[in-house]
Amino acid sequence: YYCASTYGTRVYGSNWHFRTIYDYWGQGTQ
């Protein structure tokens, strides 16, 4: 499981699940 961040105005109900809108990612946790 990974968390990722993106500027708030880039997120909509139809695109939140697209990896490409996120800029930074964590290293993940199993």
Full PDB file with SEQRES, HELIX, SHEET, SSBOND, CRYST1, ORIGX, SCALE, CONECT and MASTER records, all heavy atoms in Angstrom:
SEQRES   1 A   30  TYR TYR CYS ALA SER THR TYR GLY THR ARG VAL TYR GLY          
SEQRES   2 A   30  SER ASN TRP HIS PHE ARG THR ILE TYR ASP TYR TRP GLY          
SEQRES   3 A   30  GLN GLY THR GLN                                              
HELIX    1 AA1 GLY A    8  ARG A   10  5                                   3    
HELIX    2 AA2 ARG A   19  ILE A   21  5                                   3    
SHEET    1 AA1 2 ALA A   4  SER A   5  0                                        
SHEET    2 AA1 2 TYR A  24  TRP A  25 -1                                        
CRYST1    1.000    1.000    1.000  90.00  90.00  90.00 P 1           1          
ORIGX1      1.000000  0.000000  0.000000        0.00000                         
ORIGX2      0.000000  1.000000  0.000000        0.00000                         
ORIGX3      0.000000  0.000000  1.000000        0.00000                         
SCALE1      1.000000  0.000000  0.000000        0.00000                         
SCALE2      0.000000  1.000000  0.000000        0.00000                         
SCALE3      0.000000  0.000000  1.000000        0.00000                         
ATOM      1  N   TYR A   1       0.840  -1.190   0.000  1.00  0.00           N  
ATOM      2  CA  TYR A   1       0.000   0.000   0.000  1.00  0.00           C  
ATOM      3  C   TYR A   1       0.878   1.244   0.000  1.00  0.00           C  
ATOM      4  O   TYR A   1       1.816   1.349   0.796  1.00  0.00           O  
ATOM      5  CB  TYR A   1      -0.920  -0.004   1.223  1.00  0.00           C  
ATOM      6  CG  TYR A   1      -2.083  -0.946   1.078  1.00  0.00           C  
ATOM      7  CD1 TYR A   1      -1.895  -2.323   1.094  1.00  0.00           C  
ATOM      8  CD2 TYR A   1      -3.382  -0.465   0.891  1.00  0.00           C  
ATOM      9  CE1 TYR A   1      -2.959  -3.195   0.933  1.00  0.00           C  
ATOM     10  CE2 TYR A   1      -4.457  -1.325   0.736  1.00  0.00           C  
ATOM     11  CZ  TYR A   1      -4.236  -2.690   0.760  1.00  0.00           C  
ATOM     12  OH  TYR A   1      -5.286  -3.556   0.593  1.00  0.00           O  
ATOM     13  N   TYR A   2       0.534   2.164  -0.891  1.00  0.00           N  
ATOM     14  CA  TYR A   2       1.280   3.408  -1.043  1.00  0.00           C  
ATOM     15  C   TYR A   2       0.358   4.596  -0.820  1.00  0.00           C  
ATOM     16  O   TYR A   2      -0.810   4.562  -1.208  1.00  0.00           O  
ATOM     17  CB  TYR A   2       1.842   3.528  -2.460  1.00  0.00           C  
ATOM     18  CG  TYR A   2       2.765   2.425  -2.887  1.00  0.00           C  
ATOM     19  CD1 TYR A   2       2.269   1.267  -3.469  1.00  0.00           C  
ATOM     20  CD2 TYR A   2       4.143   2.547  -2.733  1.00  0.00           C  
ATOM     21  CE1 TYR A   2       3.118   0.247  -3.876  1.00  0.00           C  
ATOM     22  CE2 TYR A   2       5.007   1.545  -3.140  1.00  0.00           C  
ATOM     23  CZ  TYR A   2       4.477   0.396  -3.714  1.00  0.00           C  
ATOM     24  OH  TYR A   2       5.338  -0.605  -4.119  1.00  0.00           O  
ATOM     25  N   CYS A   3       0.903   5.665  -0.256  1.00  0.00           N  
ATOM     26  CA  CYS A   3       0.175   6.927  -0.256  1.00  0.00           C  
ATOM     27  C   CYS A   3       0.891   7.887  -1.210  1.00  0.00           C  
ATOM     28  O   CYS A   3       2.102   7.753  -1.464  1.00  0.00           O  
ATOM     29  CB  CYS A   3       0.040   7.527   1.137  1.00  0.00           C  
ATOM     30  SG  CYS A   3       1.564   8.001   1.964  1.00  0.00           S  
ATOM     31  N   ALA A   4       0.127   8.812  -1.741  1.00  0.00           N  
ATOM     32  CA  ALA A   4       0.643   9.747  -2.726  1.00  0.00           C  
ATOM     33  C   ALA A   4      -0.050  11.089  -2.558  1.00  0.00           C  
ATOM     34  O   ALA A   4      -1.190  11.149  -2.077  1.00  0.00           O  
ATOM     35  CB  ALA A   4       0.436   9.204  -4.137  1.00  0.00           C  
ATOM     36  N   SER A   5       0.624  12.155  -2.975  1.00  0.00           N  
ATOM     37  CA  SER A   5       0.063  13.496  -2.807  1.00  0.00           C  
ATOM     38  C   SER A   5      -0.060  14.213  -4.138  1.00  0.00           C  
ATOM     39  O   SER A   5       0.715  13.980  -5.074  1.00  0.00           O  
ATOM     40  CB  SER A   5       0.935  14.317  -1.859  1.00  0.00           C  
ATOM     41  OG  SER A   5       2.204  14.571  -2.441  1.00  0.00           O  
ATOM     42  N   THR A   6      -1.055  15.091  -4.196  1.00  0.00           N  
ATOM     43  CA  THR A   6      -1.225  15.960  -5.344  1.00  0.00           C  
ATOM     44  C   THR A   6      -1.904  17.237  -4.882  1.00  0.00           C  
ATOM     45  O   THR A   6      -2.619  17.225  -3.870  1.00  0.00           O  
ATOM     46  CB  THR A   6      -2.046  15.280  -6.453  1.00  0.00           C  
ATOM     47  OG1 THR A   6      -2.074  16.127  -7.609  1.00  0.00           O  
ATOM     48  CG2 THR A   6      -3.475  15.024  -6.000  1.00  0.00           C  
ATOM     49  N   TYR A   7      -1.721  18.318  -5.628  1.00  0.00           N  
ATOM     50  CA  TYR A   7      -2.354  19.574  -5.245  1.00  0.00           C  
ATOM     51  C   TYR A   7      -3.871  19.381  -5.249  1.00  0.00           C  
ATOM     52  O   TYR A   7      -4.422  18.765  -6.162  1.00  0.00           O  
ATOM     53  CB  TYR A   7      -1.935  20.689  -6.195  1.00  0.00           C  
ATOM     54  CG  TYR A   7      -2.178  22.063  -5.623  1.00  0.00           C  
ATOM     55  CD1 TYR A   7      -1.482  22.504  -4.503  1.00  0.00           C  
ATOM     56  CD2 TYR A   7      -3.118  22.910  -6.187  1.00  0.00           C  
ATOM     57  CE1 TYR A   7      -1.705  23.756  -3.963  1.00  0.00           C  
ATOM     58  CE2 TYR A   7      -3.352  24.162  -5.659  1.00  0.00           C  
ATOM     59  CZ  TYR A   7      -2.640  24.589  -4.553  1.00  0.00           C  
ATOM     60  OH  TYR A   7      -2.870  25.826  -4.013  1.00  0.00           O  
ATOM     61  N   GLY A   8      -4.514  19.937  -4.256  1.00  0.00           N  
ATOM     62  CA  GLY A   8      -5.923  19.652  -4.032  1.00  0.00           C  
ATOM     63  C   GLY A   8      -6.846  19.929  -5.196  1.00  0.00           C  
ATOM     64  O   GLY A   8      -7.797  19.179  -5.450  1.00  0.00           O  
ATOM     65  N   THR A   9      -6.580  20.985  -5.962  1.00  0.00           N  
ATOM     66  CA  THR A   9      -7.483  21.351  -7.058  1.00  0.00           C  
ATOM     67  C   THR A   9      -7.397  20.400  -8.245  1.00  0.00           C  
ATOM     68  O   THR A   9      -8.209  20.493  -9.166  1.00  0.00           O  
ATOM     69  CB  THR A   9      -7.201  22.773  -7.543  1.00  0.00           C  
ATOM     70  OG1 THR A   9      -5.822  22.868  -7.921  1.00  0.00           O  
ATOM     71  CG2 THR A   9      -7.495  23.797  -6.462  1.00  0.00           C  
ATOM     72  N   ARG A  10      -6.440  19.496  -8.217  1.00  0.00           N  
ATOM     73  CA  ARG A  10      -6.297  18.548  -9.331  1.00  0.00           C  
ATOM     74  C   ARG A  10      -7.188  17.327  -9.182  1.00  0.00           C  
ATOM     75  O   ARG A  10      -7.320  16.533 -10.100  1.00  0.00           O  
ATOM     76  CB  ARG A  10      -4.837  18.104  -9.442  1.00  0.00           C  
ATOM     77  CG  ARG A  10      -3.873  19.232  -9.738  1.00  0.00           C  
ATOM     78  CD  ARG A  10      -2.454  18.733  -9.771  1.00  0.00           C  
ATOM     79  NE  ARG A  10      -2.192  17.889 -10.918  1.00  0.00           N  
ATOM     80  CZ  ARG A  10      -1.061  17.222 -11.111  1.00  0.00           C  
ATOM     81  NH1 ARG A  10      -0.096  17.304 -10.222  1.00  0.00           N  
ATOM     82  NH2 ARG A  10      -0.894  16.484 -12.187  1.00  0.00           N  
ATOM     83  N   VAL A  11      -7.790  17.167  -8.014  1.00  0.00           N  
ATOM     84  CA  VAL A  11      -8.552  15.957  -7.739  1.00  0.00           C  
ATOM     85  C   VAL A  11     -10.041  16.185  -7.930  1.00  0.00           C  
ATOM     86  O   VAL A  11     -10.612  17.146  -7.414  1.00  0.00           O  
ATOM     87  CB  VAL A  11      -8.292  15.474  -6.295  1.00  0.00           C  
ATOM     88  CG1 VAL A  11      -9.215  14.295  -5.954  1.00  0.00           C  
ATOM     89  CG2 VAL A  11      -6.845  15.049  -6.134  1.00  0.00           C  
ATOM     90  N   TYR A  12     -10.666  15.271  -8.660  1.00  0.00           N  
ATOM     91  CA  TYR A  12     -12.100  15.282  -8.847  1.00  0.00           C  
ATOM     92  C   TYR A  12     -12.625  13.869  -8.585  1.00  0.00           C  
ATOM     93  O   TYR A  12     -11.857  12.919  -8.490  1.00  0.00           O  
ATOM     94  CB  TYR A  12     -12.463  15.681 -10.285  1.00  0.00           C  
ATOM     95  CG  TYR A  12     -12.016  17.062 -10.651  1.00  0.00           C  
ATOM     96  CD1 TYR A  12     -10.776  17.260 -11.262  1.00  0.00           C  
ATOM     97  CD2 TYR A  12     -12.810  18.175 -10.384  1.00  0.00           C  
ATOM     98  CE1 TYR A  12     -10.340  18.534 -11.594  1.00  0.00           C  
ATOM     99  CE2 TYR A  12     -12.380  19.442 -10.718  1.00  0.00           C  
ATOM    100  CZ  TYR A  12     -11.150  19.618 -11.316  1.00  0.00           C  
ATOM    101  OH  TYR A  12     -10.726  20.871 -11.632  1.00  0.00           O  
ATOM    102  N   GLY A  13     -13.919  13.750  -8.515  1.00  0.00           N  
ATOM    103  CA  GLY A  13     -14.513  12.439  -8.283  1.00  0.00           C  
ATOM    104  C   GLY A  13     -14.217  11.454  -9.389  1.00  0.00           C  
ATOM    105  O   GLY A  13     -14.220  10.244  -9.165  1.00  0.00           O  
ATOM    106  N   SER A  14     -13.930  11.964 -10.593  1.00  0.00           N  
ATOM    107  CA  SER A  14     -13.725  11.076 -11.731  1.00  0.00           C  
ATOM    108  C   SER A  14     -12.260  10.743 -11.978  1.00  0.00           C  
ATOM    109  O   SER A  14     -11.962   9.893 -12.819  1.00  0.00           O  
ATOM    110  CB  SER A  14     -14.303  11.717 -12.988  1.00  0.00           C  
ATOM    111  OG  SER A  14     -13.678  12.963 -13.239  1.00  0.00           O  
ATOM    112  N   ASN A  15     -11.333  11.389 -11.276  1.00  0.00           N  
ATOM    113  CA  ASN A  15      -9.924  11.163 -11.614  1.00  0.00           C  
ATOM    114  C   ASN A  15      -9.034  10.809 -10.425  1.00  0.00           C  
ATOM    115  O   ASN A  15      -7.850  10.598 -10.598  1.00  0.00           O  
ATOM    116  CB  ASN A  15      -9.344  12.403 -12.314  1.00  0.00           C  
ATOM    117  CG  ASN A  15      -9.068  13.542 -11.351  1.00  0.00           C  
ATOM    118  OD1 ASN A  15      -9.502  13.543 -10.198  1.00  0.00           O  
ATOM    119  ND2 ASN A  15      -8.333  14.537 -11.818  1.00  0.00           N  
ATOM    120  N   TRP A  16      -9.610  10.707  -9.238  1.00  0.00           N  
ATOM    121  CA  TRP A  16      -8.779  10.527  -8.044  1.00  0.00           C  
ATOM    122  C   TRP A  16      -7.934   9.262  -8.107  1.00  0.00           C  
ATOM    123  O   TRP A  16      -6.898   9.161  -7.454  1.00  0.00           O  
ATOM    124  CB  TRP A  16      -9.640  10.495  -6.779  1.00  0.00           C  
ATOM    125  CG  TRP A  16     -10.521   9.270  -6.696  1.00  0.00           C  
ATOM    126  CD1 TRP A  16     -11.803   9.142  -7.151  1.00  0.00           C  
ATOM    127  CD2 TRP A  16     -10.172   7.998  -6.147  1.00  0.00           C  
ATOM    128  NE1 TRP A  16     -12.262   7.876  -6.920  1.00  0.00           N  
ATOM    129  CE2 TRP A  16     -11.293   7.154  -6.299  1.00  0.00           C  
ATOM    130  CE3 TRP A  16      -9.026   7.496  -5.529  1.00  0.00           C  
ATOM    131  CZ2 TRP A  16     -11.290   5.827  -5.850  1.00  0.00           C  
ATOM    132  CZ3 TRP A  16      -9.027   6.180  -5.086  1.00  0.00           C  
ATOM    133  CH2 TRP A  16     -10.153   5.357  -5.248  1.00  0.00           C  
ATOM    134  N   HIS A  17      -8.380   8.277  -8.871  1.00  0.00           N  
ATOM    135  CA  HIS A  17      -7.700   6.983  -8.909  1.00  0.00           C  
ATOM    136  C   HIS A  17      -6.635   6.881 -10.006  1.00  0.00           C  
ATOM    137  O   HIS A  17      -6.012   5.822 -10.164  1.00  0.00           O  
ATOM    138  CB  HIS A  17      -8.728   5.873  -9.105  1.00  0.00           C  
ATOM    139  CG  HIS A  17      -9.538   6.023 -10.347  1.00  0.00           C  
ATOM    140  ND1 HIS A  17     -10.503   6.993 -10.492  1.00  0.00           N  
ATOM    141  CD2 HIS A  17      -9.514   5.338 -11.508  1.00  0.00           C  
ATOM    142  CE1 HIS A  17     -11.056   6.880 -11.671  1.00  0.00           C  
ATOM    143  NE2 HIS A  17     -10.477   5.897 -12.318  1.00  0.00           N  
ATOM    144  N   PHE A  18      -6.411   7.978 -10.725  1.00  0.00           N  
ATOM    145  CA  PHE A  18      -5.381   7.964 -11.765  1.00  0.00           C  
ATOM    146  C   PHE A  18      -4.019   8.252 -11.141  1.00  0.00           C  
ATOM    147  O   PHE A  18      -3.793   9.322 -10.577  1.00  0.00           O  
ATOM    148  CB  PHE A  18      -5.698   9.005 -12.836  1.00  0.00           C  
ATOM    149  CG  PHE A  18      -6.908   8.700 -13.659  1.00  0.00           C  
ATOM    150  CD1 PHE A  18      -7.611   9.714 -14.288  1.00  0.00           C  
ATOM    151  CD2 PHE A  18      -7.353   7.398 -13.833  1.00  0.00           C  
ATOM    152  CE1 PHE A  18      -8.731   9.443 -15.049  1.00  0.00           C  
ATOM    153  CE2 PHE A  18      -8.480   7.110 -14.587  1.00  0.00           C  
ATOM    154  CZ  PHE A  18      -9.171   8.140 -15.200  1.00  0.00           C  
ATOM    155  N   ARG A  19      -3.085   7.335 -11.301  1.00  0.00           N  
ATOM    156  CA  ARG A  19      -1.762   7.514 -10.716  1.00  0.00           C  
ATOM    157  C   ARG A  19      -1.078   8.768 -11.238  1.00  0.00           C  
ATOM    158  O   ARG A  19      -0.287   9.392 -10.532  1.00  0.00           O  
ATOM    159  CB  ARG A  19      -0.894   6.297 -11.024  1.00  0.00           C  
ATOM    160  CG  ARG A  19      -1.308   5.027 -10.317  1.00  0.00           C  
ATOM    161  CD  ARG A  19      -0.505   3.866 -10.835  1.00  0.00           C  
ATOM    162  NE  ARG A  19      -0.849   3.536 -12.201  1.00  0.00           N  
ATOM    163  CZ  ARG A  19      -0.148   2.715 -12.962  1.00  0.00           C  
ATOM    164  NH1 ARG A  19       0.950   2.150 -12.498  1.00  0.00           N  
ATOM    165  NH2 ARG A  19      -0.528   2.451 -14.187  1.00  0.00           N  
ATOM    166  N   THR A  20      -1.356   9.142 -12.480  1.00  0.00           N  
ATOM    167  CA  THR A  20      -0.616  10.215 -13.138  1.00  0.00           C  
ATOM    168  C   THR A  20      -0.871  11.588 -12.539  1.00  0.00           C  
ATOM    169  O   THR A  20      -0.088  12.513 -12.784  1.00  0.00           O  
ATOM    170  CB  THR A  20      -0.954  10.245 -14.637  1.00  0.00           C  
ATOM    171  OG1 THR A  20      -2.378  10.299 -14.792  1.00  0.00           O  
ATOM    172  CG2 THR A  20      -0.412   9.011 -15.334  1.00  0.00           C  
ATOM    173  N   ILE A  21      -1.923  11.755 -11.748  1.00  0.00           N  
ATOM    174  CA  ILE A  21      -2.173  13.090 -11.199  1.00  0.00           C  
ATOM    175  C   ILE A  21      -1.410  13.314  -9.896  1.00  0.00           C  
ATOM    176  O   ILE A  21      -1.395  14.421  -9.375  1.00  0.00           O  
ATOM    177  CB  ILE A  21      -3.673  13.354 -10.963  1.00  0.00           C  
ATOM    178  CG1 ILE A  21      -4.225  12.504  -9.808  1.00  0.00           C  
ATOM    179  CG2 ILE A  21      -4.460  13.123 -12.237  1.00  0.00           C  
ATOM    180  CD1 ILE A  21      -5.603  12.953  -9.356  1.00  0.00           C  
ATOM    181  N   TYR A  22      -0.767  12.287  -9.380  1.00  0.00           N  
ATOM    182  CA  TYR A  22      -0.038  12.393  -8.113  1.00  0.00           C  
ATOM    183  C   TYR A  22       1.444  12.646  -8.364  1.00  0.00           C  
ATOM    184  O   TYR A  22       2.046  12.040  -9.256  1.00  0.00           O  
ATOM    185  CB  TYR A  22      -0.227  11.120  -7.281  1.00  0.00           C  
ATOM    186  CG  TYR A  22      -1.664  10.945  -6.843  1.00  0.00           C  
ATOM    187  CD1 TYR A  22      -2.590  10.311  -7.664  1.00  0.00           C  
ATOM    188  CD2 TYR A  22      -2.107  11.451  -5.622  1.00  0.00           C  
ATOM    189  CE1 TYR A  22      -3.916  10.166  -7.276  1.00  0.00           C  
ATOM    190  CE2 TYR A  22      -3.424  11.314  -5.222  1.00  0.00           C  
ATOM    191  CZ  TYR A  22      -4.322  10.676  -6.057  1.00  0.00           C  
ATOM    192  OH  TYR A  22      -5.633  10.548  -5.667  1.00  0.00           O  
ATOM    193  N   ASP A  23       2.007  13.540  -7.558  1.00  0.00           N  
ATOM    194  CA  ASP A  23       3.378  13.965  -7.783  1.00  0.00           C  
ATOM    195  C   ASP A  23       4.401  13.252  -6.904  1.00  0.00           C  
ATOM    196  O   ASP A  23       5.528  13.001  -7.335  1.00  0.00           O  
ATOM    197  CB  ASP A  23       3.493  15.470  -7.517  1.00  0.00           C  
ATOM    198  CG  ASP A  23       2.558  16.274  -8.397  1.00  0.00           C  
ATOM    199  OD1 ASP A  23       2.601  16.083  -9.626  1.00  0.00           O  
ATOM    200  OD2 ASP A  23       1.770  17.075  -7.852  1.00  0.00           O  
ATOM    201  N   TYR A  24       4.014  12.979  -5.680  1.00  0.00           N  
ATOM    202  CA  TYR A  24       4.953  12.373  -4.734  1.00  0.00           C  
ATOM    203  C   TYR A  24       4.364  11.098  -4.159  1.00  0.00           C  
ATOM    204  O   TYR A  24       3.151  11.028  -3.908  1.00  0.00           O  
ATOM    205  CB  TYR A  24       5.290  13.355  -3.601  1.00  0.00           C  
ATOM    206  CG  TYR A  24       6.025  14.579  -4.082  1.00  0.00           C  
ATOM    207  CD1 TYR A  24       5.336  15.747  -4.382  1.00  0.00           C  
ATOM    208  CD2 TYR A  24       7.403  14.557  -4.264  1.00  0.00           C  
ATOM    209  CE1 TYR A  24       5.999  16.867  -4.847  1.00  0.00           C  
ATOM    210  CE2 TYR A  24       8.072  15.678  -4.723  1.00  0.00           C  
ATOM    211  CZ  TYR A  24       7.364  16.820  -5.014  1.00  0.00           C  
ATOM    212  OH  TYR A  24       8.035  17.920  -5.470  1.00  0.00           O  
ATOM    213  N   TRP A  25       5.239  10.136  -3.924  1.00  0.00           N  
ATOM    214  CA  TRP A  25       4.820   8.824  -3.440  1.00  0.00           C  
ATOM    215  C   TRP A  25       5.666   8.407  -2.251  1.00  0.00           C  
ATOM    216  O   TRP A  25       6.858   8.739  -2.165  1.00  0.00           O  
ATOM    217  CB  TRP A  25       4.980   7.779  -4.545  1.00  0.00           C  
ATOM    218  CG  TRP A  25       4.040   7.993  -5.688  1.00  0.00           C  
ATOM    219  CD1 TRP A  25       4.168   8.892  -6.707  1.00  0.00           C  
ATOM    220  CD2 TRP A  25       2.819   7.293  -5.921  1.00  0.00           C  
ATOM    221  NE1 TRP A  25       3.090   8.798  -7.557  1.00  0.00           N  
ATOM    222  CE2 TRP A  25       2.246   7.817  -7.100  1.00  0.00           C  
ATOM    223  CE3 TRP A  25       2.144   6.269  -5.261  1.00  0.00           C  
ATOM    224  CZ2 TRP A  25       1.045   7.359  -7.630  1.00  0.00           C  
ATOM    225  CZ3 TRP A  25       0.951   5.805  -5.785  1.00  0.00           C  
ATOM    226  CH2 TRP A  25       0.411   6.346  -6.952  1.00  0.00           C  
ATOM    227  N   GLY A  26       5.050   7.642  -1.368  1.00  0.00           N  
ATOM    228  CA  GLY A  26       5.796   7.028  -0.284  1.00  0.00           C  
ATOM    229  C   GLY A  26       6.457   5.741  -0.740  1.00  0.00           C  
ATOM    230  O   GLY A  26       6.313   5.334  -1.896  1.00  0.00           O  
ATOM    231  N   GLN A  27       7.137   5.077   0.191  1.00  0.00           N  
ATOM    232  CA  GLN A  27       7.890   3.871  -0.156  1.00  0.00           C  
ATOM    233  C   GLN A  27       7.036   2.612  -0.073  1.00  0.00           C  
ATOM    234  O   GLN A  27       7.446   1.546  -0.551  1.00  0.00           O  
ATOM    235  CB  GLN A  27       9.100   3.730   0.776  1.00  0.00           C  
ATOM    236  CG  GLN A  27       8.817   3.097   2.143  1.00  0.00           C  
ATOM    237  CD  GLN A  27       8.006   3.993   3.067  1.00  0.00           C  
ATOM    238  OE1 GLN A  27       7.827   5.190   2.815  1.00  0.00           O  
ATOM    239  NE2 GLN A  27       7.514   3.418   4.158  1.00  0.00           N  
ATOM    240  N   GLY A  28       5.869   2.716   0.530  1.00  0.00           N  
ATOM    241  CA  GLY A  28       4.953   1.586   0.599  1.00  0.00           C  
ATOM    242  C   GLY A  28       5.068   0.808   1.893  1.00  0.00           C  
ATOM    243  O   GLY A  28       6.102   0.796   2.555  1.00  0.00           O  
ATOM    244  N   THR A  29       3.971   0.137   2.251  1.00  0.00           N  
ATOM    245  CA  THR A  29       3.941  -0.740   3.411  1.00  0.00           C  
ATOM    246  C   THR A  29       3.174  -2.007   3.029  1.00  0.00           C  
ATOM    247  O   THR A  29       2.135  -1.936   2.385  1.00  0.00           O  
ATOM    248  CB  THR A  29       3.315  -0.034   4.634  1.00  0.00           C  
ATOM    249  OG1 THR A  29       3.420  -0.875   5.782  1.00  0.00           O  
ATOM    250  CG2 THR A  29       1.858   0.331   4.412  1.00  0.00           C  
ATOM    251  N   GLN A  30       3.702  -3.145   3.421  1.00  0.00           N  
ATOM    252  CA  GLN A  30       3.115  -4.430   3.018  1.00  0.00           C  
ATOM    253  C   GLN A  30       1.945  -4.794   3.928  1.00  0.00           C  
ATOM    254  O   GLN A  30       2.057  -4.758   5.157  1.00  0.00           O  
ATOM    255  CB  GLN A  30       4.170  -5.532   3.094  1.00  0.00           C  
ATOM    256  CG  GLN A  30       3.646  -6.928   2.790  1.00  0.00           C  
ATOM    257  CD  GLN A  30       3.294  -7.116   1.324  1.00  0.00           C  
ATOM    258  OE1 GLN A  30       4.061  -6.738   0.440  1.00  0.00           O  
ATOM    259  NE2 GLN A  30       2.126  -7.701   1.059  1.00  0.00           N  
TER     260      GLN A  30                                                      
MASTER        0    0    0    2    2    0    0    6  259    1    0    3          
END                                                                             
